[in-house]
């Protein structure tokens, strides 16, 4: 699937093509592709018990040679593919292309979940959808790699992100806003995790000009309810003449559970 765009204010940020917009757009394209892959007119899914089911992202990886290469009024494309890798698991790849040159690549792994209790996001668990159509194919190497890294980060394996020094920065607490940070399914939106990490990075900043993202990996383990708070903790940090790298974790404050790991690499921007 190919979708064409012209960069305007919704698609742009201070440092070029907005990573947050890009995550949301590719997430939407993943959702639409799920319906097409299952032979449905629209992405509306129910589990075997009749409950509403949604595709929750379990891991996302962004790699880019420069989102700042896209500026106002530039034309670009997103080329997307999706495959089914398990009974309720899917994996999609999205190429961002400008003038036939690949600017970025996003890989997204998802699994269908359903709530055990209405409006209780902590009760969300893997769904069973025996009627889900579509051939199951072996998991791509990229998806396997993401899965293994996610397991190591969740287990607090510091060697999973080498060459990071210890971080002494104070954790930063956020109070997610229902109007901005949650989606229409009442879950904390997957792209909000990236936004919280970037906000924390800016509050911790040891630099003037904001750096440009080179790569980002997000691994999701849980969610929060409206009214709950979360905290972003810096696990490891490195900064040099090339840019900044860090590993952060997101914790739910109501019970201290880690709900995400995020690894980030950014380069200094030369305006």
Protein backbone atom coordinates (compact mmCIF):
# COMPACT_ATOMS: atom_id res chain seq x y z
CA UNK A 1 0.00 0.00 0.00
CA UNK A 2 1.29 3.43 -0.94
CA UNK A 3 -0.01 6.71 0.48
CA UNK A 4 1.18 10.10 -0.75
CA UNK A 5 1.53 13.23 1.37
CA UNK A 6 2.63 16.85 1.16
CA UNK A 7 4.31 18.05 4.33
CA UNK A 8 2.32 20.71 6.15
CA UNK A 9 2.08 21.84 9.73
CA UNK A 10 0.36 18.64 11.02
CA UNK A 11 3.22 16.53 9.61
CA UNK A 12 6.10 18.78 10.69
CA UNK A 13 7.89 19.65 13.91
CA UNK A 14 10.79 21.89 14.86
CA UNK A 15 13.25 19.22 13.71
CA UNK A 16 11.61 18.21 10.43
CA UNK A 17 9.04 15.48 9.81
CA UNK A 18 7.31 14.90 13.14
CA UNK A 19 8.19 11.55 14.66
CA UNK A 20 5.02 11.64 16.74
CA UNK A 21 2.84 12.26 13.67
CA UNK A 22 4.71 9.55 11.79
CA UNK A 23 4.11 6.98 14.53
CA UNK A 24 0.41 7.83 14.62
CA UNK A 25 0.06 7.70 10.83
CA UNK A 26 1.89 4.38 10.51
CA UNK A 27 -0.12 3.02 13.43
CA UNK A 28 -3.30 3.97 11.57
CA UNK A 29 -2.00 2.37 8.38
CA UNK A 30 -1.19 -0.81 10.36
CA UNK A 31 -4.78 -0.82 11.68
CA UNK A 32 -6.25 -0.33 8.19
CA UNK A 33 -3.98 -3.04 6.79
CA UNK A 34 -5.22 -5.47 9.45
CA UNK A 35 -8.75 -5.09 8.11
CA UNK A 36 -7.63 -5.55 4.51
CA UNK A 37 -5.54 -8.60 5.41
CA UNK A 38 -8.52 -10.14 7.23
CA UNK A 39 -10.85 -9.40 4.30
CA UNK A 40 -12.93 -6.86 6.20
CA UNK A 41 -14.34 -3.56 4.99
CA UNK A 42 -13.30 -1.79 8.18
CA UNK A 43 -11.06 -2.54 11.20
CA UNK A 44 -13.71 -3.78 13.61
CA UNK A 45 -12.75 -6.91 15.57
CA UNK A 46 -14.32 -8.96 18.37
CA UNK A 47 -12.80 -11.78 20.39
CA UNK A 48 -14.31 -15.24 20.75
CA UNK A 49 -16.46 -14.04 23.65
CA UNK A 50 -17.89 -11.15 21.65
CA UNK A 51 -15.83 -8.46 23.36
CA UNK A 52 -14.30 -5.58 21.41
CA UNK A 53 -10.70 -6.33 20.55
CA UNK A 54 -7.91 -3.98 19.49
CA UNK A 55 -4.41 -4.46 18.09
CA UNK A 56 -1.99 -3.29 20.76
CA UNK A 57 1.58 -2.60 19.70
CA UNK A 58 4.15 -4.72 21.49
CA UNK A 59 7.27 -3.29 19.82
CA UNK A 60 8.16 -0.52 17.35
CA UNK A 61 11.48 0.38 15.77
CA UNK A 62 12.24 3.54 13.81
CA UNK A 63 15.44 3.97 11.81
CA UNK A 64 16.08 7.12 9.80
CA UNK A 65 18.82 8.90 7.91
CA UNK A 66 17.20 12.26 8.57
CA UNK A 67 13.61 13.30 9.26
CA UNK A 68 14.95 16.86 9.00
CA UNK A 69 15.40 16.28 5.25
CA UNK A 70 11.63 16.78 4.83
CA UNK A 71 10.48 20.41 4.99
CA UNK A 72 7.30 22.39 4.36
CA UNK A 73 5.51 21.50 1.10
CA UNK A 74 7.83 18.56 0.34
CA UNK A 75 6.10 15.56 -1.23
CA UNK A 76 6.75 12.12 0.24
CA UNK A 77 5.23 8.64 0.39
CA UNK A 78 4.66 5.94 2.97
CA UNK A 79 4.89 2.44 1.52
CA UNK A 80 3.43 -0.20 3.85
CA UNK A 81 3.32 -3.98 4.03
CA UNK A 82 1.82 -6.26 6.69
CA UNK A 83 1.94 -9.98 7.49
CA UNK A 84 0.35 -12.24 10.09
CA UNK A 85 2.95 -13.88 12.32
CA UNK A 86 0.72 -15.70 14.82
CA UNK A 87 -2.93 -16.37 15.71
CA UNK A 88 -3.36 -12.76 16.91
CA UNK A 89 0.04 -11.26 16.00
CA UNK A 90 0.95 -9.09 13.01
CA UNK A 91 4.04 -7.29 11.79
CA UNK A 92 4.17 -4.30 9.45
CA UNK A 93 6.94 -2.34 7.75
CA UNK A 94 6.59 1.24 6.56
CA UNK A 95 9.09 2.99 4.28
CA UNK A 96 9.07 6.79 4.18
CA UNK A 97 10.29 7.81 0.72
CA UNK A 98 11.08 11.24 -0.73
CA UNK A 99 12.22 11.62 -4.35
CA UNK A 100 12.69 7.82 -4.54
CA UNK A 101 15.12 7.94 -1.60
CA UNK A 102 14.28 6.10 1.64
CA UNK A 103 14.23 8.63 4.48
CA UNK A 104 13.08 6.28 7.24
CA UNK A 105 11.78 2.81 8.04
CA UNK A 106 9.34 1.85 10.79
CA UNK A 107 8.70 -1.73 11.92
CA UNK A 108 5.65 -2.42 14.07
CA UNK A 109 4.62 -5.61 15.90
CA UNK A 110 1.14 -5.94 17.36
CA UNK A 111 -1.08 -8.43 19.18
CA UNK A 112 -4.84 -8.34 19.64
CA UNK A 113 -5.95 -7.65 23.21
CA UNK A 114 -9.25 -7.31 25.02
CA UNK A 115 -10.22 -5.95 28.43
CA UNK A 116 -11.34 -8.33 31.13
CA UNK A 117 -13.15 -5.46 32.84
CA UNK A 118 -14.73 -2.41 31.21
CA UNK A 119 -12.55 0.74 31.28
CA UNK A 120 -9.86 -1.09 33.26
CA UNK A 121 -6.74 -0.92 31.10
CA UNK A 122 -4.78 -3.07 33.54
CA UNK A 123 -7.17 -5.92 32.74
CA UNK A 124 -6.19 -5.94 29.05
CA UNK A 125 -4.86 -9.35 28.01
CA UNK A 126 -4.12 -11.31 24.85
CA UNK A 127 -7.35 -11.96 22.96
CA UNK A 128 -8.53 -15.13 21.23
CA UNK A 129 -9.86 -14.57 17.70
CA UNK A 130 -10.40 -17.98 16.15
CA UNK A 131 -12.27 -16.45 13.20
CA UNK A 132 -9.39 -14.17 12.22
CA UNK A 133 -8.51 -14.75 8.58
CA UNK A 134 -5.17 -14.51 6.82
CA UNK A 135 -2.24 -16.84 6.30
CA UNK A 136 0.26 -17.12 9.17
CA UNK A 137 3.86 -16.78 7.99
CA UNK A 138 7.15 -17.27 9.85
CA UNK A 139 8.15 -14.27 11.89
CA UNK A 140 10.56 -12.03 9.94
CA UNK A 141 14.10 -11.73 11.25
CA UNK A 142 13.47 -8.09 12.12
CA UNK A 143 10.52 -9.06 14.30
CA UNK A 144 12.50 -11.82 16.03
CA UNK A 145 15.32 -9.37 16.73
CA UNK A 146 12.91 -6.85 18.24
CA UNK A 147 11.35 -9.55 20.42
CA UNK A 148 14.71 -10.65 21.82
CA UNK A 149 15.86 -7.10 22.57
CA UNK A 150 12.56 -6.37 24.28
CA UNK A 151 12.96 -9.40 26.54
CA UNK A 152 16.47 -8.30 27.52
CA UNK A 153 15.39 -4.75 28.31
CA UNK A 154 12.42 -5.90 30.34
CA UNK A 155 14.80 -8.10 32.36
CA UNK A 156 17.05 -5.05 32.91
CA UNK A 157 19.95 -6.49 30.91
CA UNK A 158 22.22 -3.46 30.59
CA UNK A 159 24.26 -5.17 27.87
CA UNK A 160 21.21 -4.93 25.60
CA UNK A 161 22.12 -1.26 25.07
CA UNK A 162 25.94 -1.17 25.14
CA UNK A 163 28.20 1.79 25.87
CA UNK A 164 25.75 3.73 28.02
CA UNK A 165 26.95 5.33 31.21
CA UNK A 166 25.01 5.48 34.46
CA UNK A 167 22.27 8.10 34.66
CA UNK A 168 21.92 10.35 37.70
CA UNK A 169 18.98 12.40 36.43
CA UNK A 170 15.88 12.65 38.57
CA UNK A 171 12.79 10.77 37.31
CA UNK A 172 10.09 12.95 35.79
CA UNK A 173 6.41 12.39 36.54
CA UNK A 174 3.58 12.99 34.07
CA UNK A 175 -0.20 13.08 34.47
CA UNK A 176 -1.58 11.83 31.13
CA UNK A 177 -4.42 13.96 29.79
CA UNK A 178 -7.54 12.18 28.47
CA UNK A 179 -7.97 14.75 25.68
CA UNK A 180 -4.40 14.48 24.39
CA UNK A 181 -2.75 11.23 25.49
CA UNK A 182 -5.51 8.61 25.27
CA UNK A 183 -7.07 7.24 22.09
CA UNK A 184 -10.66 6.55 21.09
CA UNK A 185 -10.46 3.06 22.58
CA UNK A 186 -9.70 4.66 26.00
CA UNK A 187 -6.13 3.31 26.07
CA UNK A 188 -3.05 5.44 26.63
CA UNK A 189 -2.08 5.91 22.97
CA UNK A 190 1.08 4.10 21.89
CA UNK A 191 2.56 7.31 20.41
CA UNK A 192 2.15 9.11 23.76
CA UNK A 193 4.96 7.00 25.24
CA UNK A 194 7.38 8.51 22.72
CA UNK A 195 6.05 11.98 23.51
CA UNK A 196 6.60 11.54 27.26
CA UNK A 197 10.19 10.38 26.70
CA UNK A 198 10.91 13.37 24.46
CA UNK A 199 9.39 15.76 27.00
CA UNK A 200 11.49 14.22 29.75
CA UNK A 201 14.62 14.47 27.59
CA UNK A 202 13.94 18.17 27.01
CA UNK A 203 13.46 18.77 30.74
CA UNK A 204 16.72 16.91 31.45
CA UNK A 205 18.45 18.70 28.54
CA UNK A 206 22.16 19.33 28.59
CA UNK A 207 22.12 21.01 25.20
CA UNK A 208 20.72 24.08 23.46
CA UNK A 209 19.69 23.06 19.95
CA UNK A 210 17.40 19.99 20.06
CA UNK A 211 18.93 16.91 18.38
CA UNK A 212 17.31 14.97 15.54
CA UNK A 213 16.22 11.36 16.03
CA UNK A 214 18.31 8.71 14.25
CA UNK A 215 16.67 5.63 15.75
CA UNK A 216 14.09 4.79 18.38
CA UNK A 217 12.80 1.48 19.72
CA UNK A 218 9.74 1.20 21.95
CA UNK A 219 8.69 -1.95 23.81
CA UNK A 220 5.25 -1.99 25.42
CA UNK A 221 4.25 -4.10 28.43
CA UNK A 222 1.20 -2.37 29.89
CA UNK A 223 -1.11 0.61 30.00
CA UNK A 224 -2.62 3.06 32.47
CA UNK A 225 -6.13 4.17 33.34
CA UNK A 226 -7.41 7.72 33.08
CA UNK A 227 -6.43 9.43 36.32
CA UNK A 228 -3.24 7.42 36.84
CA UNK A 229 0.20 9.01 36.67
CA UNK A 230 3.42 7.68 35.20
CA UNK A 231 7.12 8.35 35.61
CA UNK A 232 9.94 8.35 33.05
CA UNK A 233 13.23 7.03 34.48
CA UNK A 234 16.61 7.40 32.77
CA UNK A 235 18.40 4.03 32.93
CA UNK A 236 21.53 4.85 30.91
CA UNK A 237 22.92 7.82 28.99
CA UNK A 238 25.76 8.68 26.60
CA UNK A 239 26.55 12.02 24.97
CA UNK A 240 29.42 13.00 22.66
CA UNK A 241 30.26 15.11 19.64
CA UNK A 242 27.98 13.01 17.43
CA UNK A 243 24.84 13.17 19.52
CA UNK A 244 22.99 11.65 22.46
CA UNK A 245 21.84 8.11 23.27
CA UNK A 246 19.73 6.89 26.16
CA UNK A 247 17.59 4.10 27.56
CA UNK A 248 14.49 5.14 29.48
CA UNK A 249 11.77 3.16 31.15
CA UNK A 250 8.18 4.21 31.80
CA UNK A 251 6.54 3.13 35.04
CA UNK A 252 2.93 3.25 36.19
CA UNK A 253 2.86 5.04 39.53
CA UNK A 254 -0.19 3.33 40.99
CA UNK A 255 1.69 0.04 41.40
CA UNK A 256 5.23 0.76 40.17
CA UNK A 257 4.91 -1.60 37.20
CA UNK A 258 7.20 -0.99 34.23
CA UNK A 259 4.94 -0.48 31.21
CA UNK A 260 7.55 0.37 28.56
CA UNK A 261 11.24 0.50 27.66
CA UNK A 262 12.43 3.07 25.14
CA UNK A 263 15.87 3.31 23.54
CA UNK A 264 16.75 6.47 21.64
CA UNK A 265 19.61 7.67 19.48
CA UNK A 266 19.76 11.28 18.21
CA UNK A 267 22.33 13.32 16.34
CA UNK A 268 23.15 16.98 16.72
CA UNK A 269 21.37 19.19 14.23
CA UNK A 270 23.32 21.69 12.14
CA UNK A 271 20.99 24.48 11.05
